[in-house]
Amino acid sequence: MGKRDSSILYLVLGIYSLMVNWYYNHNLILLLISYIFWPLYLIYELLTGHLSGGMWKEIPLSYFK
């Protein structure tokens, strides 16, 4: 059961990285690259500060407004 939970989390974080990338870039090529290397992309976004100040929560909500 633990493996299934981790695979769901892996899928959700991958989709989250695509949402963050599309919010900032609007480029299909960069979207594809971030889909392949999404763990590195999320670490990059965290280190550069793009997800600070509540943006980690605001970005997904912007797709449902």
N, C-alpha and C. Protein backbone atom coordinates (compact mmCIF):
# COMPACT_ATOMS: atom_id res chain seq x y z
N MET A 1 0.82 -1.20 0.00
CA MET A 1 0.00 0.00 0.00
C MET A 1 0.86 1.25 0.00
N GLY A 2 2.04 1.19 0.62
CA GLY A 2 2.92 2.35 0.68
C GLY A 2 3.42 2.77 -0.68
N LYS A 3 3.67 1.81 -1.56
CA LYS A 3 4.16 2.13 -2.89
C LYS A 3 3.10 2.87 -3.69
N ARG A 4 1.86 2.47 -3.52
CA ARG A 4 0.77 3.14 -4.23
C ARG A 4 0.63 4.58 -3.77
N ASP A 5 0.75 4.82 -2.48
CA ASP A 5 0.65 6.18 -1.95
C ASP A 5 1.77 7.06 -2.49
N SER A 6 2.97 6.52 -2.59
CA SER A 6 4.08 7.31 -3.08
C SER A 6 3.94 7.59 -4.57
N SER A 7 3.34 6.66 -5.33
CA SER A 7 3.17 6.91 -6.76
C SER A 7 2.10 7.97 -7.00
N ILE A 8 1.09 8.02 -6.16
CA ILE A 8 0.07 9.07 -6.28
C ILE A 8 0.68 10.42 -5.95
N LEU A 9 1.50 10.47 -4.91
CA LEU A 9 2.19 11.71 -4.55
C LEU A 9 3.12 12.15 -5.68
N TYR A 10 3.82 11.20 -6.28
CA TYR A 10 4.72 11.49 -7.40
C TYR A 10 3.94 12.10 -8.57
N LEU A 11 2.76 11.55 -8.87
CA LEU A 11 1.93 12.08 -9.95
C LEU A 11 1.42 13.48 -9.62
N VAL A 12 0.97 13.70 -8.40
CA VAL A 12 0.44 15.01 -8.00
C VAL A 12 1.53 16.08 -8.04
N LEU A 13 2.72 15.76 -7.56
CA LEU A 13 3.81 16.73 -7.60
C LEU A 13 4.26 17.01 -9.04
N GLY A 14 4.19 16.00 -9.90
CA GLY A 14 4.51 16.22 -11.31
C GLY A 14 3.51 17.16 -11.97
N ILE A 15 2.26 16.99 -11.69
CA ILE A 15 1.23 17.89 -12.23
C ILE A 15 1.39 19.29 -11.65
N TYR A 16 1.74 19.37 -10.38
CA TYR A 16 1.97 20.68 -9.76
C TYR A 16 3.13 21.41 -10.44
N SER A 17 4.20 20.69 -10.77
CA SER A 17 5.33 21.34 -11.44
C SER A 17 4.92 21.84 -12.82
N LEU A 18 4.04 21.11 -13.50
CA LEU A 18 3.55 21.58 -14.80
C LEU A 18 2.72 22.86 -14.64
N MET A 19 1.93 22.92 -13.59
CA MET A 19 1.12 24.12 -13.35
C MET A 19 2.01 25.33 -13.06
N VAL A 20 3.05 25.11 -12.26
CA VAL A 20 3.97 26.21 -11.94
C VAL A 20 4.70 26.67 -13.19
N ASN A 21 5.15 25.72 -14.00
CA ASN A 21 5.87 26.09 -15.21
C ASN A 21 4.97 26.86 -16.17
N TRP A 22 3.76 26.41 -16.37
CA TRP A 22 2.87 27.10 -17.30
C TRP A 22 2.51 28.49 -16.78
N TYR A 23 2.39 28.65 -15.47
CA TYR A 23 2.07 29.95 -14.87
C TYR A 23 3.16 30.97 -15.18
N TYR A 24 4.41 30.55 -15.13
CA TYR A 24 5.51 31.48 -15.35
C TYR A 24 5.97 31.57 -16.80
N ASN A 25 5.88 30.52 -17.59
CA ASN A 25 6.52 30.51 -18.89
C ASN A 25 5.57 30.54 -20.09
N HIS A 26 4.47 29.82 -20.07
CA HIS A 26 3.56 29.69 -21.21
C HIS A 26 4.30 29.22 -22.46
N ASN A 27 5.13 28.19 -22.31
CA ASN A 27 5.92 27.67 -23.41
C ASN A 27 5.81 26.15 -23.38
N LEU A 28 5.39 25.55 -24.50
CA LEU A 28 5.19 24.11 -24.55
C LEU A 28 6.49 23.32 -24.46
N ILE A 29 7.56 23.85 -25.02
CA ILE A 29 8.85 23.16 -24.97
C ILE A 29 9.36 23.11 -23.54
N LEU A 30 9.28 24.23 -22.83
CA LEU A 30 9.69 24.24 -21.43
C LEU A 30 8.77 23.38 -20.57
N LEU A 31 7.50 23.30 -20.96
CA LEU A 31 6.56 22.45 -20.24
C LEU A 31 6.96 20.98 -20.37
N LEU A 32 7.35 20.58 -21.56
CA LEU A 32 7.80 19.22 -21.78
C LEU A 32 9.08 18.91 -21.00
N ILE A 33 10.01 19.84 -21.00
CA ILE A 33 11.26 19.65 -20.27
C ILE A 33 11.00 19.57 -18.77
N SER A 34 10.11 20.41 -18.27
CA SER A 34 9.83 20.36 -16.83
C SER A 34 9.04 19.10 -16.47
N TYR A 35 8.30 18.52 -17.41
CA TYR A 35 7.61 17.27 -17.15
C TYR A 35 8.61 16.12 -17.01
N ILE A 36 9.66 16.16 -17.80
CA ILE A 36 10.68 15.10 -17.74
C ILE A 36 11.52 15.23 -16.49
N PHE A 37 11.92 16.46 -16.16
CA PHE A 37 12.81 16.71 -15.03
C PHE A 37 12.10 17.46 -13.91
N TRP A 38 10.86 17.08 -13.60
CA TRP A 38 10.08 17.87 -12.67
C TRP A 38 10.65 17.94 -11.26
N PRO A 39 11.31 16.91 -10.71
CA PRO A 39 11.86 17.10 -9.36
C PRO A 39 12.93 18.20 -9.32
N LEU A 40 13.77 18.23 -10.34
CA LEU A 40 14.79 19.28 -10.41
C LEU A 40 14.16 20.65 -10.61
N TYR A 41 13.11 20.70 -11.42
CA TYR A 41 12.44 21.97 -11.67
C TYR A 41 11.80 22.53 -10.40
N LEU A 42 11.17 21.67 -9.59
CA LEU A 42 10.57 22.16 -8.35
C LEU A 42 11.63 22.63 -7.37
N ILE A 43 12.75 21.94 -7.30
CA ILE A 43 13.84 22.40 -6.44
C ILE A 43 14.36 23.74 -6.91
N TYR A 44 14.50 23.91 -8.23
CA TYR A 44 14.95 25.19 -8.79
C TYR A 44 13.98 26.32 -8.42
N GLU A 45 12.69 26.07 -8.58
CA GLU A 45 11.69 27.09 -8.26
C GLU A 45 11.71 27.44 -6.77
N LEU A 46 11.94 26.46 -5.93
CA LEU A 46 12.02 26.73 -4.49
C LEU A 46 13.26 27.56 -4.16
N LEU A 47 14.38 27.24 -4.78
CA LEU A 47 15.63 27.95 -4.49
C LEU A 47 15.62 29.38 -5.03
N THR A 48 14.96 29.62 -6.16
CA THR A 48 14.93 30.96 -6.73
C THR A 48 13.86 31.85 -6.07
N GLY A 49 12.97 31.26 -5.29
CA GLY A 49 11.98 32.05 -4.57
C GLY A 49 10.69 32.29 -5.31
N HIS A 50 10.45 31.60 -6.41
CA HIS A 50 9.20 31.79 -7.15
C HIS A 50 8.00 31.21 -6.42
N LEU A 51 8.23 30.33 -5.46
CA LEU A 51 7.12 29.74 -4.72
C LEU A 51 7.00 30.31 -3.31
N SER A 52 7.69 31.40 -3.03
CA SER A 52 7.63 32.00 -1.70
C SER A 52 6.51 33.04 -1.63
N GLY A 53 6.19 33.45 -0.46
CA GLY A 53 5.19 34.50 -0.28
C GLY A 53 3.78 34.05 -0.63
N GLY A 54 3.49 32.76 -0.48
CA GLY A 54 2.16 32.26 -0.77
C GLY A 54 1.90 31.91 -2.23
N MET A 55 2.91 32.06 -3.08
CA MET A 55 2.71 31.71 -4.49
C MET A 55 2.53 30.22 -4.69
N TRP A 56 3.06 29.39 -3.78
CA TRP A 56 2.90 27.95 -3.90
C TRP A 56 1.42 27.57 -3.82
N LYS A 57 0.63 28.42 -3.17
CA LYS A 57 -0.80 28.18 -3.02
C LYS A 57 -1.60 28.95 -4.07
N GLU A 58 -1.12 30.10 -4.47
CA GLU A 58 -1.85 30.97 -5.40
C GLU A 58 -1.83 30.41 -6.82
N ILE A 59 -0.73 29.78 -7.22
CA ILE A 59 -0.61 29.28 -8.60
C ILE A 59 -1.67 28.24 -8.92
N PRO A 60 -1.85 27.18 -8.11
CA PRO A 60 -2.91 26.22 -8.45
C PRO A 60 -4.31 26.83 -8.40
N LEU A 61 -4.53 27.76 -7.48
CA LEU A 61 -5.86 28.38 -7.39
C LEU A 61 -6.16 29.24 -8.60
N SER A 62 -5.13 29.78 -9.27
CA SER A 62 -5.36 30.62 -10.44
C SER A 62 -5.95 29.84 -11.61
N TYR A 63 -5.77 28.54 -11.63
CA TYR A 63 -6.32 27.72 -12.72
C TYR A 63 -7.80 27.41 -12.52
N PHE A 64 -8.30 27.58 -11.32
CA PHE A 64 -9.69 27.24 -11.02
C PHE A 64 -10.57 28.46 -10.79
N LYS A 65 -10.06 29.65 -11.06
CA LYS A 65 -10.85 30.87 -10.89
C LYS A 65 -11.63 31.16 -12.14
